[in-house]
Amino acid sequence: MKIYGIDFTSRPTGRKPITCLECELKGDVLTAGELHEWADFVEFEVALDQPGPWVAGIDSPFGQARKFIETIGWPDTWQGYVDHVAAMSRDEFREALDDYRATREPGDKEHRRATDVSAGSMSPQKLYGTPVGLMFYEVAPRLRSANVTIPAVRAGDPDRVVVEAYPGILARHFIGRRSYKQDTKQKQTEDQCIARHDLYNLLISSQLKNTYGITLHASQLLADDPMGDQLDALLCAIQAAWSSRAKNYGVPRSVDSLEGWIADATL
């Protein structure tokens, strides 16, 4: 089974590309292969159209919180509100989220999905810091157009399955809240480098199989990247590989199909 781990960004460039790690899953052994770096969305879209069978884990929210969708008055299906978002320019989407926050009381401006609460991830409305709201804006319409299957959200091509990944929860499971990456060169530290290699060493140990049911073969060079994109792509691939072997791709039967779910063994 082909497995892809994709570290996504809302504005890919040569310096900060979309990073994709192509892997192979045979039985319970995941072997990391070729690394791809895409400086624009075109190659990402081409990858989504590649014939299956494959499972990809993408580090980006695919949905919004039900409370937000219902309160703002967008269509009440995933396909409906994603099509609504796709019809907006990036500036119009940003303005809609800014205007929404402006009318809310402190502490109730950005909403998290049930899976965000479980995973400790941020609201997919967030536009600043790590702009996961813009990541949703860029990824969700492309997934819809590609006709991929998103478990519990939409039934597309059954041989091309995409799950929502979140490297943070996997990293925390193994090394706690130690910082292991930094985009700004001046803020990159030796401690972060040590943390990345500690994480890598735990991933290739028996501890990975204890939780995720797979054994990993991957180059230690993936831990050298100080921005952490290559390591995060590996973490996404692990989550995708685990989900490919789990019942219903690891998504609870009770999940809200409007919101979606993060694929991780610890959830």
Protein backbone atom coordinates (compact mmCIF):
# COMPACT_ATOMS: atom_id res chain seq x y z
CA MET A 1 0.00 0.00 0.00
CA LYS A 2 1.33 3.42 -0.95
CA ILE A 3 1.28 5.87 1.94
CA TYR A 4 1.86 9.62 1.70
CA GLY A 5 2.65 11.96 4.58
CA ILE A 6 2.10 15.59 3.62
CA ASP A 7 3.17 18.59 5.69
CA PHE A 8 0.91 21.29 4.25
CA THR A 9 1.31 25.06 4.14
CA SER A 10 -1.19 27.71 3.09
CA ARG A 11 1.38 29.62 1.03
CA PRO A 12 4.01 27.28 -0.44
CA THR A 13 7.31 28.75 -1.62
CA GLY A 14 10.75 27.46 -2.44
CA ARG A 15 11.85 28.17 1.13
CA LYS A 16 8.69 26.75 2.73
CA PRO A 17 7.26 24.14 0.35
CA ILE A 18 4.54 21.58 0.81
CA THR A 19 6.58 18.57 1.93
CA CYS A 20 5.47 15.08 0.92
CA LEU A 21 7.11 11.84 2.04
CA GLU A 22 6.25 8.87 -0.15
CA CYS A 23 6.22 5.60 1.79
CA GLU A 24 5.33 1.94 1.33
CA LEU A 25 3.35 -0.11 3.86
CA LYS A 26 3.79 -3.88 3.65
CA GLY A 27 2.00 -5.73 6.41
CA ASP A 28 2.91 -3.78 9.52
CA VAL A 29 6.21 -2.36 8.18
CA LEU A 30 6.27 1.24 6.94
CA THR A 31 9.29 2.14 4.79
CA ALA A 32 9.97 5.78 4.01
CA GLY A 33 10.96 6.51 0.44
CA GLU A 34 11.24 9.54 -1.81
CA LEU A 35 10.82 13.06 -0.44
CA HIS A 36 8.99 15.61 -2.59
CA GLU A 37 8.92 19.38 -2.05
CA TRP A 38 6.27 21.38 -3.91
CA ALA A 39 6.67 25.15 -4.16
CA ASP A 40 3.12 25.65 -5.44
CA PHE A 41 -0.29 23.98 -5.30
CA VAL A 42 -0.12 22.55 -8.82
CA GLU A 43 2.02 19.55 -7.91
CA PHE A 44 -0.13 18.93 -4.81
CA GLU A 45 -3.22 18.81 -7.03
CA VAL A 46 -1.46 16.44 -9.45
CA ALA A 47 -0.56 14.15 -6.54
CA LEU A 48 -4.19 13.99 -5.39
CA ASP A 49 -5.18 12.82 -8.87
CA GLN A 50 -2.68 9.94 -8.96
CA PRO A 51 -4.47 6.58 -9.24
CA GLY A 52 -4.66 4.45 -6.10
CA PRO A 53 -4.71 2.55 -4.00
CA TRP A 54 -3.10 4.95 -1.57
CA VAL A 55 -3.77 6.66 1.74
CA ALA A 56 -2.46 10.15 2.47
CA GLY A 57 -2.24 11.95 5.80
CA ILE A 58 -2.29 15.74 5.42
CA ASP A 59 -1.39 18.12 8.23
CA SER A 60 -4.28 20.58 7.83
CA PRO A 61 -7.82 20.86 9.13
CA PHE A 62 -10.36 19.62 6.59
CA GLY A 63 -13.41 21.09 8.34
CA GLN A 64 -14.79 23.75 10.65
CA ALA A 65 -16.61 23.50 13.97
CA ARG A 66 -20.37 22.90 13.80
CA LYS A 67 -20.96 25.85 16.13
CA PHE A 68 -19.16 28.17 13.71
CA ILE A 69 -20.95 26.85 10.60
CA GLU A 70 -24.38 27.07 12.19
CA THR A 71 -23.81 30.48 13.76
CA ILE A 72 -22.34 32.13 10.66
CA GLY A 73 -25.10 30.62 8.52
CA TRP A 74 -23.04 28.71 5.98
CA PRO A 75 -24.50 25.56 4.29
CA ASP A 76 -24.99 22.74 6.80
CA THR A 77 -23.10 20.00 4.93
CA TRP A 78 -19.35 19.64 4.46
CA GLN A 79 -19.68 19.72 0.68
CA GLY A 80 -21.99 22.72 0.92
CA TYR A 81 -19.82 24.94 3.08
CA VAL A 82 -16.60 23.91 1.30
CA ASP A 83 -18.18 24.93 -2.02
CA HIS A 84 -19.23 28.19 -0.35
CA VAL A 85 -15.65 28.81 0.77
CA ALA A 86 -14.28 27.88 -2.66
CA ALA A 87 -16.36 30.67 -4.19
CA MET A 88 -14.61 33.23 -1.95
CA SER A 89 -11.30 34.92 -2.59
CA ARG A 90 -8.66 34.47 0.09
CA ASP A 91 -9.28 38.06 1.26
CA GLU A 92 -13.04 37.50 1.39
CA PHE A 93 -12.57 34.37 3.48
CA ARG A 94 -10.26 36.20 5.85
CA GLU A 95 -12.74 39.08 6.13
CA ALA A 96 -15.62 36.70 6.89
CA LEU A 97 -13.68 35.14 9.79
CA ASP A 98 -12.49 38.52 11.06
CA ASP A 99 -16.05 39.92 10.99
CA TYR A 100 -17.33 36.84 12.84
CA ARG A 101 -14.77 37.23 15.63
CA ALA A 102 -15.60 40.93 15.96
CA THR A 103 -19.19 40.13 17.00
CA ARG A 104 -18.31 37.48 19.61
CA GLU A 105 -17.62 37.77 23.31
CA PRO A 106 -14.06 37.18 24.57
CA GLY A 107 -13.40 33.47 24.89
CA ASP A 108 -16.06 32.64 22.31
CA LYS A 109 -14.51 34.05 19.14
CA GLU A 110 -12.95 30.90 17.67
CA HIS A 111 -14.46 27.44 18.03
CA ARG A 112 -12.79 24.07 18.11
CA ARG A 113 -14.18 20.86 16.71
CA ALA A 114 -14.64 17.81 18.93
CA THR A 115 -11.48 16.32 17.43
CA ASP A 116 -9.52 19.52 18.17
CA VAL A 117 -10.53 19.28 21.82
CA SER A 118 -9.46 15.62 21.95
CA ALA A 119 -6.17 16.21 20.13
CA GLY A 120 -5.26 19.54 21.75
CA SER A 121 -5.17 21.27 18.35
CA MET A 122 -6.20 24.85 17.65
CA SER A 123 -9.38 26.19 16.12
CA PRO A 124 -9.54 25.87 12.31
CA GLN A 125 -10.75 29.48 12.28
CA LYS A 126 -7.34 30.77 13.39
CA LEU A 127 -5.73 33.16 10.91
CA TYR A 128 -2.68 34.32 12.84
CA GLY A 129 0.44 32.61 14.20
CA THR A 130 -0.04 29.23 12.59
CA PRO A 131 -2.82 30.17 10.14
CA VAL A 132 -4.70 26.88 10.11
CA GLY A 133 -7.80 28.73 8.89
CA LEU A 134 -5.97 29.57 5.68
CA MET A 135 -4.72 26.00 5.45
CA PHE A 136 -8.34 24.85 5.55
CA TYR A 137 -9.21 27.44 2.89
CA GLU A 138 -6.54 26.08 0.55
CA VAL A 139 -6.86 22.34 1.18
CA ALA A 140 -10.58 21.57 1.60
CA PRO A 141 -11.77 22.78 -1.84
CA ARG A 142 -8.90 20.91 -3.50
CA LEU A 143 -9.88 17.69 -1.73
CA ARG A 144 -13.46 18.22 -2.86
CA SER A 145 -12.40 18.81 -6.48
CA ALA A 146 -10.12 15.77 -6.47
CA ASN A 147 -13.00 13.47 -5.48
CA VAL A 148 -10.94 11.69 -2.83
CA THR A 149 -12.56 9.80 0.02
CA ILE A 150 -12.38 11.47 3.44
CA PRO A 151 -13.57 8.90 6.00
CA ALA A 152 -16.85 9.93 7.67
CA VAL A 153 -16.90 13.19 5.69
CA ARG A 154 -17.34 12.36 2.00
CA ALA A 155 -17.35 9.23 -0.13
CA GLY A 156 -15.21 9.70 -3.22
CA ASP A 157 -12.81 7.36 -4.99
CA PRO A 158 -12.37 4.45 -2.53
CA ASP A 159 -8.81 3.87 -3.77
CA ARG A 160 -7.69 7.43 -2.96
CA VAL A 161 -8.20 8.06 0.74
CA VAL A 162 -7.14 11.19 2.60
CA VAL A 163 -7.12 11.48 6.39
CA GLU A 164 -6.52 14.54 8.50
CA ALA A 165 -3.16 14.25 10.25
CA TYR A 166 -1.77 16.25 13.16
CA PRO A 167 1.94 15.65 13.89
CA GLY A 168 1.74 17.53 17.18
CA ILE A 169 -0.25 14.85 18.98
CA LEU A 170 2.10 12.09 17.83
CA ALA A 171 5.19 14.07 18.79
CA ARG A 172 3.75 14.87 22.23
CA HIS A 173 3.04 11.19 22.80
CA PHE A 174 6.75 10.42 22.48
CA ILE A 175 8.67 13.52 23.65
CA GLY A 176 6.08 15.54 25.54
CA ARG A 177 5.94 19.25 24.79
CA ARG A 178 9.61 19.67 23.92
CA SER A 179 10.13 22.10 21.05
CA TYR A 180 11.60 20.29 18.03
CA LYS A 181 11.26 22.73 15.12
CA GLN A 182 11.41 26.40 14.20
CA ASP A 183 10.88 28.19 10.87
CA THR A 184 12.93 31.25 11.88
CA LYS A 185 16.62 30.49 11.45
CA GLN A 186 17.73 32.79 14.28
CA LYS A 187 15.49 30.89 16.73
CA GLN A 188 16.65 27.40 15.80
CA THR A 189 18.48 25.75 18.72
CA GLU A 190 20.62 22.74 19.53
CA ASP A 191 17.97 21.57 22.00
CA GLN A 192 15.45 21.40 19.15
CA CYS A 193 17.90 19.33 17.12
CA ILE A 194 18.36 16.94 20.05
CA ALA A 195 14.58 16.70 20.45
CA ARG A 196 14.12 15.82 16.77
CA HIS A 197 16.69 13.04 16.95
CA ASP A 198 15.26 11.77 20.25
CA LEU A 199 11.86 11.63 18.55
CA TYR A 200 13.31 9.81 15.54
CA ASN A 201 15.01 7.24 17.79
CA LEU A 202 11.73 6.54 19.56
CA LEU A 203 9.89 6.21 16.24
CA ILE A 204 12.23 3.47 15.02
CA SER A 205 12.05 1.65 18.36
CA SER A 206 9.46 -0.89 19.50
CA GLN A 207 7.52 1.91 21.18
CA LEU A 208 5.96 2.91 17.86
CA LYS A 209 4.54 -0.57 17.35
CA ASN A 210 3.17 -0.60 20.89
CA THR A 211 0.89 2.36 20.11
CA TYR A 212 0.54 2.56 16.32
CA GLY A 213 0.91 -1.11 15.42
CA ILE A 214 3.64 -0.55 12.83
CA THR A 215 7.42 -0.81 12.53
CA LEU A 216 9.23 2.07 10.84
CA HIS A 217 12.21 2.09 8.49
CA ALA A 218 13.26 5.67 7.74
CA SER A 219 16.45 7.65 7.27
CA GLN A 220 17.71 9.63 10.23
CA LEU A 221 18.38 12.49 7.79
CA LEU A 222 14.68 13.37 8.08
CA ALA A 223 15.43 14.59 11.60
CA ASP A 224 18.13 17.00 10.43
CA ASP A 225 15.73 19.58 8.96
CA PRO A 226 15.57 22.39 11.57
CA MET A 227 12.17 23.56 10.28
CA GLY A 228 10.80 20.12 11.07
CA ASP A 229 8.83 19.82 7.82
CA GLN A 230 10.45 16.55 6.77
CA LEU A 231 9.96 15.00 10.20
CA ASP A 232 6.36 16.22 10.29
CA ALA A 233 5.75 14.60 6.89
CA LEU A 234 7.02 11.35 8.41
CA LEU A 235 4.66 11.75 11.38
CA CYS A 236 1.77 12.32 8.96
CA ALA A 237 2.74 9.14 7.10
CA ILE A 238 2.72 7.18 10.36
CA GLN A 239 -0.78 8.44 11.15
CA ALA A 240 -1.95 7.59 7.62
CA ALA A 241 -0.41 4.11 7.83
CA TRP A 242 -2.04 3.47 11.20
CA SER A 243 -5.42 4.66 9.88
CA SER A 244 -5.17 2.41 6.80
CA ARG A 245 -5.11 -0.60 9.14
CA ALA A 246 -7.72 0.64 11.61
CA LYS A 247 -11.45 0.06 11.53
CA ASN A 248 -13.17 2.90 9.63
CA TYR A 249 -9.71 4.48 9.24
CA GLY A 250 -9.67 5.18 12.97
CA VAL A 251 -12.68 7.50 12.83
CA PRO A 252 -15.32 6.95 15.56
CA ARG A 253 -18.74 5.99 14.21
CA SER A 254 -20.24 8.85 16.23
CA VAL A 255 -18.09 11.55 14.58
CA ASP A 256 -19.83 14.68 13.30
CA SER A 257 -19.50 14.50 9.50
CA LEU A 258 -19.70 18.29 9.35
CA GLU A 259 -16.43 18.57 11.31
CA GLY A 260 -14.33 15.51 10.50
CA TRP A 261 -11.70 13.77 12.64
CA ILE A 262 -7.93 13.65 13.14
CA ALA A 263 -6.44 10.20 12.50
CA ASP A 264 -4.32 9.12 15.46
CA ALA A 265 -4.07 5.97 17.56
CA THR A 266 -4.16 7.92 20.83
CA LEU A 267 -7.61 9.35 20.03
